[in-house]
Amino acid sequence: MIKFKEVIKVEEGTFRNLEYHQQRIDRTVACFGIPSFKLSEKLQHAPIPVGEQLVKCRIEYGERIECITCLPYTLRSISRVGVVVDNDIDYAYKFADRKHLDALRNKSGYDEVIIIKDGQVTDSSFSNLVFETAQHELYTPSACLLKGTKRQFLLDCGMITERAIRMEEIKDYERIVFINAMMELEDNIGIPADRCILP
């Protein structure tokens, strides 16, 4: 049975962005014909570490909830980013199996990779991307592999805009920022675009 996961940010004991995580779960269970569930109910007894300001809650599920884990989280540091091309990659749903994504990063020798599919910028191995222009306009690739919860929240708020971005256009931007459920836009985890290493 295919298994899926959700990663949810817990900040000062509060689960963040649950509405968007529930929407993604609903799309997943509808597509794969597995039992639906209400995330807020399943998380009522989640083992959140006491006294931790920032916690990563991971829920893995398939036909049933497999496990819920909650661990302290520290924002990662990214300095060396390279571009890799993979025209066969498919990660439209948040599968628990990340071997393909992890292999792309591990084989590259970089801290993180930006994945190109059919000439289009998609995502990094672990996050959606936001490209900032010199005029401080913020764009996210329309060809993303996974419609992330934080990405959708920022789109709905009008803070970022979808745009097709080709590999050769990466260095037309000022900065590339990595976002996901744990990493906010304002955390500014990213690099200047001209430091991204093209193939």
C-alpha atoms as a PDB file:
ATOM      1  CA  MET A   1       0.000   0.000   0.000  1.00  0.00           C
ATOM      2  CA  ILE A   2       1.295   3.456  -0.904  1.00  0.00           C
ATOM      3  CA  LYS A   3       1.896   5.588   2.152  1.00  0.00           C
ATOM      4  CA  PHE A   4       1.680   9.349   2.490  1.00  0.00           C
ATOM      5  CA  LYS A   5       2.775  11.894   5.051  1.00  0.00           C
ATOM      6  CA  GLU A   6       2.044  15.379   6.278  1.00  0.00           C
ATOM      7  CA  VAL A   7       4.578  17.554   8.052  1.00  0.00           C
ATOM      8  CA  ILE A   8       2.988  20.177  10.273  1.00  0.00           C
ATOM      9  CA  LYS A   9       4.618  23.066  12.057  1.00  0.00           C
ATOM     10  CA  VAL A  10       3.951  23.285  15.782  1.00  0.00           C
ATOM     11  CA  GLU A  11       4.858  26.678  17.170  1.00  0.00           C
ATOM     12  CA  GLU A  12       4.584  27.294  20.903  1.00  0.00           C
ATOM     13  CA  GLY A  13       2.238  24.307  21.139  1.00  0.00           C
ATOM     14  CA  THR A  14      -0.063  25.404  18.296  1.00  0.00           C
ATOM     15  CA  PHE A  15      -0.468  23.507  15.012  1.00  0.00           C
ATOM     16  CA  ARG A  16      -0.062  25.878  12.065  1.00  0.00           C
ATOM     17  CA  ASN A  17      -1.870  25.937   8.724  1.00  0.00           C
ATOM     18  CA  LEU A  18      -4.055  22.920   9.541  1.00  0.00           C
ATOM     19  CA  GLU A  19      -6.749  23.955   7.063  1.00  0.00           C
ATOM     20  CA  TYR A  20      -4.306  23.635   4.175  1.00  0.00           C
ATOM     21  CA  HIS A  21      -2.932  20.308   5.395  1.00  0.00           C
ATOM     22  CA  GLN A  22      -6.494  18.989   5.651  1.00  0.00           C
ATOM     23  CA  GLN A  23      -7.219  20.120   2.086  1.00  0.00           C
ATOM     24  CA  ARG A  24      -4.190  18.209   0.798  1.00  0.00           C
ATOM     25  CA  ILE A  25      -5.145  15.107   2.764  1.00  0.00           C
ATOM     26  CA  ASP A  26      -8.666  15.317   1.351  1.00  0.00           C
ATOM     27  CA  ARG A  27      -7.297  15.468  -2.226  1.00  0.00           C
ATOM     28  CA  THR A  28      -4.993  12.536  -1.539  1.00  0.00           C
ATOM     29  CA  VAL A  29      -7.565  10.193  -0.013  1.00  0.00           C
ATOM     30  CA  ALA A  30     -10.066  11.033  -2.781  1.00  0.00           C
ATOM     31  CA  CYS A  31      -7.522  10.204  -5.485  1.00  0.00           C
ATOM     32  CA  PHE A  32      -6.266   6.965  -3.949  1.00  0.00           C
ATOM     33  CA  GLY A  33      -9.544   5.707  -2.487  1.00  0.00           C
ATOM     34  CA  ILE A  34      -8.382   5.428   1.098  1.00  0.00           C
ATOM     35  CA  PRO A  35     -10.378   6.270   4.245  1.00  0.00           C
ATOM     36  CA  SER A  36     -10.635   9.971   5.034  1.00  0.00           C
ATOM     37  CA  PHE A  37      -9.911  11.397   8.460  1.00  0.00           C
ATOM     38  CA  LYS A  38     -10.036  14.697  10.289  1.00  0.00           C
ATOM     39  CA  LEU A  39      -6.534  15.857  11.015  1.00  0.00           C
ATOM     40  CA  SER A  40      -7.445  17.985  14.034  1.00  0.00           C
ATOM     41  CA  GLU A  41      -8.951  14.936  15.756  1.00  0.00           C
ATOM     42  CA  LYS A  42      -5.931  12.742  15.066  1.00  0.00           C
ATOM     43  CA  LEU A  43      -3.580  15.368  16.471  1.00  0.00           C
ATOM     44  CA  GLN A  44      -5.421  15.862  19.786  1.00  0.00           C
ATOM     45  CA  HIS A  45      -3.037  13.491  21.562  1.00  0.00           C
ATOM     46  CA  ALA A  46       0.076  14.131  19.482  1.00  0.00           C
ATOM     47  CA  PRO A  47       3.236  13.728  21.612  1.00  0.00           C
ATOM     48  CA  ILE A  48       4.439  17.339  21.450  1.00  0.00           C
ATOM     49  CA  PRO A  49       7.685  17.822  23.424  1.00  0.00           C
ATOM     50  CA  VAL A  50       7.133  20.109  26.382  1.00  0.00           C
ATOM     51  CA  GLY A  51       8.979  23.425  26.395  1.00  0.00           C
ATOM     52  CA  GLU A  52      10.007  23.394  22.734  1.00  0.00           C
ATOM     53  CA  GLN A  53       9.226  26.561  20.777  1.00  0.00           C
ATOM     54  CA  LEU A  54       9.407  24.934  17.326  1.00  0.00           C
ATOM     55  CA  VAL A  55       8.383  21.329  16.662  1.00  0.00           C
ATOM     56  CA  LYS A  56       8.051  19.260  13.481  1.00  0.00           C
ATOM     57  CA  CYS A  57       5.007  16.974  13.620  1.00  0.00           C
ATOM     58  CA  ARG A  58       5.012  14.165  11.065  1.00  0.00           C
ATOM     59  CA  ILE A  59       1.945  12.060  10.392  1.00  0.00           C
ATOM     60  CA  GLU A  60       2.237   9.009   8.133  1.00  0.00           C
ATOM     61  CA  TYR A  61      -0.887   7.357   6.759  1.00  0.00           C
ATOM     62  CA  GLY A  62      -2.336   4.956   4.210  1.00  0.00           C
ATOM     63  CA  GLU A  63      -5.342   2.772   4.901  1.00  0.00           C
ATOM     64  CA  ARG A  64      -4.938   3.995   8.481  1.00  0.00           C
ATOM     65  CA  ILE A  65      -2.742   6.335  10.511  1.00  0.00           C
ATOM     66  CA  GLU A  66       0.622   4.587  10.735  1.00  0.00           C
ATOM     67  CA  CYS A  67       2.394   6.922  13.151  1.00  0.00           C
ATOM     68  CA  ILE A  68       2.559  10.442  14.524  1.00  0.00           C
ATOM     69  CA  THR A  69       5.922  11.784  15.652  1.00  0.00           C
ATOM     70  CA  CYS A  70       6.800  15.198  17.051  1.00  0.00           C
ATOM     71  CA  LEU A  71      10.416  16.333  17.322  1.00  0.00           C
ATOM     72  CA  PRO A  72      12.197  19.633  18.011  1.00  0.00           C
ATOM     73  CA  TYR A  73      13.076  21.403  14.777  1.00  0.00           C
ATOM     74  CA  THR A  74      15.959  23.655  13.794  1.00  0.00           C
ATOM     75  CA  LEU A  75      15.961  25.623  10.551  1.00  0.00           C
ATOM     76  CA  ARG A  76      18.498  24.193   8.146  1.00  0.00           C
ATOM     77  CA  SER A  77      21.360  26.091   6.569  1.00  0.00           C
ATOM     78  CA  ILE A  78      21.754  26.080   2.782  1.00  0.00           C
ATOM     79  CA  SER A  79      24.758  27.563   1.000  1.00  0.00           C
ATOM     80  CA  ARG A  80      25.616  25.426  -2.053  1.00  0.00           C
ATOM     81  CA  VAL A  81      22.716  24.908  -4.463  1.00  0.00           C
ATOM     82  CA  GLY A  82      22.934  23.193  -7.835  1.00  0.00           C
ATOM     83  CA  VAL A  83      20.493  22.492 -10.633  1.00  0.00           C
ATOM     84  CA  VAL A  84      19.630  18.923 -11.660  1.00  0.00           C
ATOM     85  CA  VAL A  85      17.495  17.764 -14.582  1.00  0.00           C
ATOM     86  CA  ASP A  86      14.968  14.942 -14.142  1.00  0.00           C
ATOM     87  CA  ASN A  87      12.253  14.718 -16.786  1.00  0.00           C
ATOM     88  CA  ASP A  88      10.660  11.619 -15.240  1.00  0.00           C
ATOM     89  CA  ILE A  89      10.154  12.757 -11.658  1.00  0.00           C
ATOM     90  CA  ASP A  90       6.605  12.693 -10.249  1.00  0.00           C
ATOM     91  CA  TYR A  91       5.756  13.917  -6.760  1.00  0.00           C
ATOM     92  CA  ALA A  92       2.257  15.325  -7.177  1.00  0.00           C
ATOM     93  CA  TYR A  93       1.221  13.846  -3.818  1.00  0.00           C
ATOM     94  CA  LYS A  94       3.183  13.888  -0.577  1.00  0.00           C
ATOM     95  CA  PHE A  95       4.379  10.308  -0.634  1.00  0.00           C
ATOM     96  CA  ALA A  96       6.167   8.980   2.436  1.00  0.00           C
ATOM     97  CA  ASP A  97       8.772   7.411   0.125  1.00  0.00           C
ATOM     98  CA  ARG A  98      11.267  10.147  -0.739  1.00  0.00           C
ATOM     99  CA  LYS A  99      14.088   7.959  -2.047  1.00  0.00           C
ATOM    100  CA  HIS A 100      14.078   9.502  -5.516  1.00  0.00           C
ATOM    101  CA  LEU A 101      14.189  13.079  -4.210  1.00  0.00           C
ATOM    102  CA  ASP A 102      16.859  12.294  -1.627  1.00  0.00           C
ATOM    103  CA  ALA A 103      18.981  10.518  -4.253  1.00  0.00           C
ATOM    104  CA  LEU A 104      18.926  13.570  -6.512  1.00  0.00           C
ATOM    105  CA  ARG A 105      20.319  15.710  -3.709  1.00  0.00           C
ATOM    106  CA  ASN A 106      22.775  13.154  -2.357  1.00  0.00           C
ATOM    107  CA  LYS A 107      24.292  12.379  -5.753  1.00  0.00           C
ATOM    108  CA  SER A 108      24.673  16.065  -6.586  1.00  0.00           C
ATOM    109  CA  GLY A 109      27.198  16.912  -3.870  1.00  0.00           C
ATOM    110  CA  TYR A 110      25.309  20.134  -3.064  1.00  0.00           C
ATOM    111  CA  ASP A 111      23.488  21.177   0.110  1.00  0.00           C
ATOM    112  CA  GLU A 112      20.329  21.362  -1.982  1.00  0.00           C
ATOM    113  CA  VAL A 113      19.189  20.983  -5.582  1.00  0.00           C
ATOM    114  CA  ILE A 114      16.690  22.763  -7.794  1.00  0.00           C
ATOM    115  CA  ILE A 115      14.924  20.250 -10.011  1.00  0.00           C
ATOM    116  CA  ILE A 116      14.269  20.956 -13.684  1.00  0.00           C
ATOM    117  CA  LYS A 117      11.594  18.983 -15.527  1.00  0.00           C
ATOM    118  CA  ASP A 118      10.961  19.514 -19.243  1.00  0.00           C
ATOM    119  CA  GLY A 119      13.004  22.704 -19.112  1.00  0.00           C
ATOM    120  CA  GLN A 120      10.917  24.201 -16.291  1.00  0.00           C
ATOM    121  CA  VAL A 121      11.982  25.001 -12.734  1.00  0.00           C
ATOM    122  CA  THR A 122       9.900  22.915 -10.304  1.00  0.00           C
ATOM    123  CA  ASP A 123      10.938  22.574  -6.632  1.00  0.00           C
ATOM    124  CA  SER A 124      13.941  21.748  -4.518  1.00  0.00           C
ATOM    125  CA  SER A 125      14.288  18.254  -3.077  1.00  0.00           C
ATOM    126  CA  PHE A 126      12.438  19.283   0.098  1.00  0.00           C
ATOM    127  CA  SER A 127      10.617  22.534  -0.557  1.00  0.00           C
ATOM    128  CA  ASN A 128       8.796  24.833  -2.913  1.00  0.00           C
ATOM    129  CA  LEU A 129      10.683  27.823  -4.276  1.00  0.00           C
ATOM    130  CA  VAL A 130      10.129  31.577  -4.343  1.00  0.00           C
ATOM    131  CA  PHE A 131      12.102  33.770  -6.754  1.00  0.00           C
ATOM    132  CA  GLU A 132      12.575  37.434  -5.880  1.00  0.00           C
ATOM    133  CA  THR A 133      13.173  40.081  -8.553  1.00  0.00           C
ATOM    134  CA  ALA A 134      15.227  43.253  -8.222  1.00  0.00           C
ATOM    135  CA  GLN A 135      11.888  45.055  -7.742  1.00  0.00           C
ATOM    136  CA  HIS A 136      11.075  42.696  -4.814  1.00  0.00           C
ATOM    137  CA  GLU A 137       8.319  40.886  -6.727  1.00  0.00           C
ATOM    138  CA  LEU A 138       7.907  37.302  -5.553  1.00  0.00           C
ATOM    139  CA  TYR A 139       7.188  34.428  -7.938  1.00  0.00           C
ATOM    140  CA  THR A 140       6.792  30.684  -7.433  1.00  0.00           C
ATOM    141  CA  PRO A 141       7.235  28.225 -10.307  1.00  0.00           C
ATOM    142  CA  SER A 142       3.924  27.209 -11.887  1.00  0.00           C
ATOM    143  CA  ALA A 143       5.484  23.835 -12.747  1.00  0.00           C
ATOM    144  CA  CYS A 144       5.983  22.855  -9.096  1.00  0.00           C
ATOM    145  CA  LEU A 145       6.107  19.121  -8.341  1.00  0.00           C
ATOM    146  CA  LEU A 146       4.065  19.370  -5.137  1.00  0.00           C
ATOM    147  CA  LYS A 147       1.510  22.019  -4.292  1.00  0.00           C
ATOM    148  CA  GLY A 148       2.809  22.756  -0.832  1.00  0.00           C
ATOM    149  CA  THR A 149       0.632  24.031   1.982  1.00  0.00           C
ATOM    150  CA  LYS A 150       2.788  27.101   2.687  1.00  0.00           C
ATOM    151  CA  ARG A 151       2.983  27.857  -1.048  1.00  0.00           C
ATOM    152  CA  GLN A 152      -0.811  27.715  -1.331  1.00  0.00           C
ATOM    153  CA  PHE A 153      -1.258  29.913   1.733  1.00  0.00           C
ATOM    154  CA  LEU A 154       1.068  32.558   0.278  1.00  0.00           C
ATOM    155  CA  LEU A 155      -0.722  32.381  -3.093  1.00  0.00           C
ATOM    156  CA  ASP A 156      -4.108  32.804  -1.414  1.00  0.00           C
ATOM    157  CA  CYS A 157      -2.794  35.791   0.565  1.00  0.00           C
ATOM    158  CA  GLY A 158      -1.485  37.403  -2.609  1.00  0.00           C
ATOM    159  CA  MET A 159       2.081  37.470  -1.300  1.00  0.00           C
ATOM    160  CA  ILE A 160       3.478  35.408  -4.186  1.00  0.00           C
ATOM    161  CA  THR A 161       2.406  34.823  -7.784  1.00  0.00           C
ATOM    162  CA  GLU A 162       2.737  31.768 -10.017  1.00  0.00           C
ATOM    163  CA  ARG A 163       4.982  32.090 -13.046  1.00  0.00           C
ATOM    164  CA  ALA A 164       6.622  29.692 -15.495  1.00  0.00           C
ATOM    165  CA  ILE A 165      10.376  29.892 -14.891  1.00  0.00           C
ATOM    166  CA  ARG A 166      12.821  28.175 -17.215  1.00  0.00           C
ATOM    167  CA  MET A 167      16.258  26.971 -16.147  1.00  0.00           C
ATOM    168  CA  GLU A 168      18.031  29.643 -18.192  1.00  0.00           C
ATOM    169  CA  GLU A 169      15.983  32.348 -16.434  1.00  0.00           C
ATOM    170  CA  ILE A 170      17.103  31.462 -12.898  1.00  0.00           C
ATOM    171  CA  LYS A 171      19.873  34.049 -12.827  1.00  0.00           C
ATOM    172  CA  ASP A 172      17.505  36.783 -14.002  1.00  0.00           C
ATOM    173  CA  TYR A 173      16.301  36.874 -10.391  1.00  0.00           C
ATOM    174  CA  GLU A 174      17.953  38.357  -7.325  1.00  0.00           C
ATOM    175  CA  ARG A 175      17.268  35.654  -4.761  1.00  0.00           C
ATOM    176  CA  ILE A 176      15.847  32.151  -4.378  1.00  0.00           C
ATOM    177  CA  VAL A 177      14.030  31.357  -1.131  1.00  0.00           C
ATOM    178  CA  PHE A 178      13.049  27.881   0.065  1.00  0.00           C
ATOM    179  CA  ILE A 179       9.626  27.489   1.698  1.00  0.00           C
ATOM    180  CA  ASN A 180       7.731  24.568   3.168  1.00  0.00           C
ATOM    181  CA  ALA A 181       5.473  23.821   6.130  1.00  0.00           C
ATOM    182  CA  MET A 182       8.352  24.443   8.530  1.00  0.00           C
ATOM    183  CA  MET A 183      10.072  27.338   6.747  1.00  0.00           C
ATOM    184  CA  GLU A 184       8.352  30.698   6.390  1.00  0.00           C
ATOM    185  CA  LEU A 185       9.071  33.219   3.678  1.00  0.00           C
ATOM    186  CA  GLU A 186      10.350  35.612   6.346  1.00  0.00           C
ATOM    187  CA  ASP A 187      12.858  33.017   7.574  1.00  0.00           C
ATOM    188  CA  ASN A 188      14.707  33.889   4.345  1.00  0.00           C
ATOM    189  CA  ILE A 189      16.334  30.477   3.899  1.00  0.00           C
ATOM    190  CA  GLY A 190      17.909  30.755   0.484  1.00  0.00           C
ATOM    191  CA  ILE A 191      20.706  32.061  -1.700  1.00  0.00           C
ATOM    192  CA  PRO A 192      21.393  34.847  -4.193  1.00  0.00           C
ATOM    193  CA  ALA A 193      20.223  33.511  -7.554  1.00  0.00           C
ATOM    194  CA  ASP A 194      23.609  34.099  -9.197  1.00  0.00           C
ATOM    195  CA  ARG A 195      25.158  31.580  -6.764  1.00  0.00           C
ATOM    196  CA  CYS A 196      22.938  28.765  -8.060  1.00  0.00           C
ATOM    197  CA  ILE A 197      25.172  26.373 -10.030  1.00  0.00           C
ATOM    198  CA  LEU A 198      23.731  25.415 -13.423  1.00  0.00           C
ATOM    199  CA  PRO A 199      24.615  22.126 -15.155  1.00  0.00           C
END
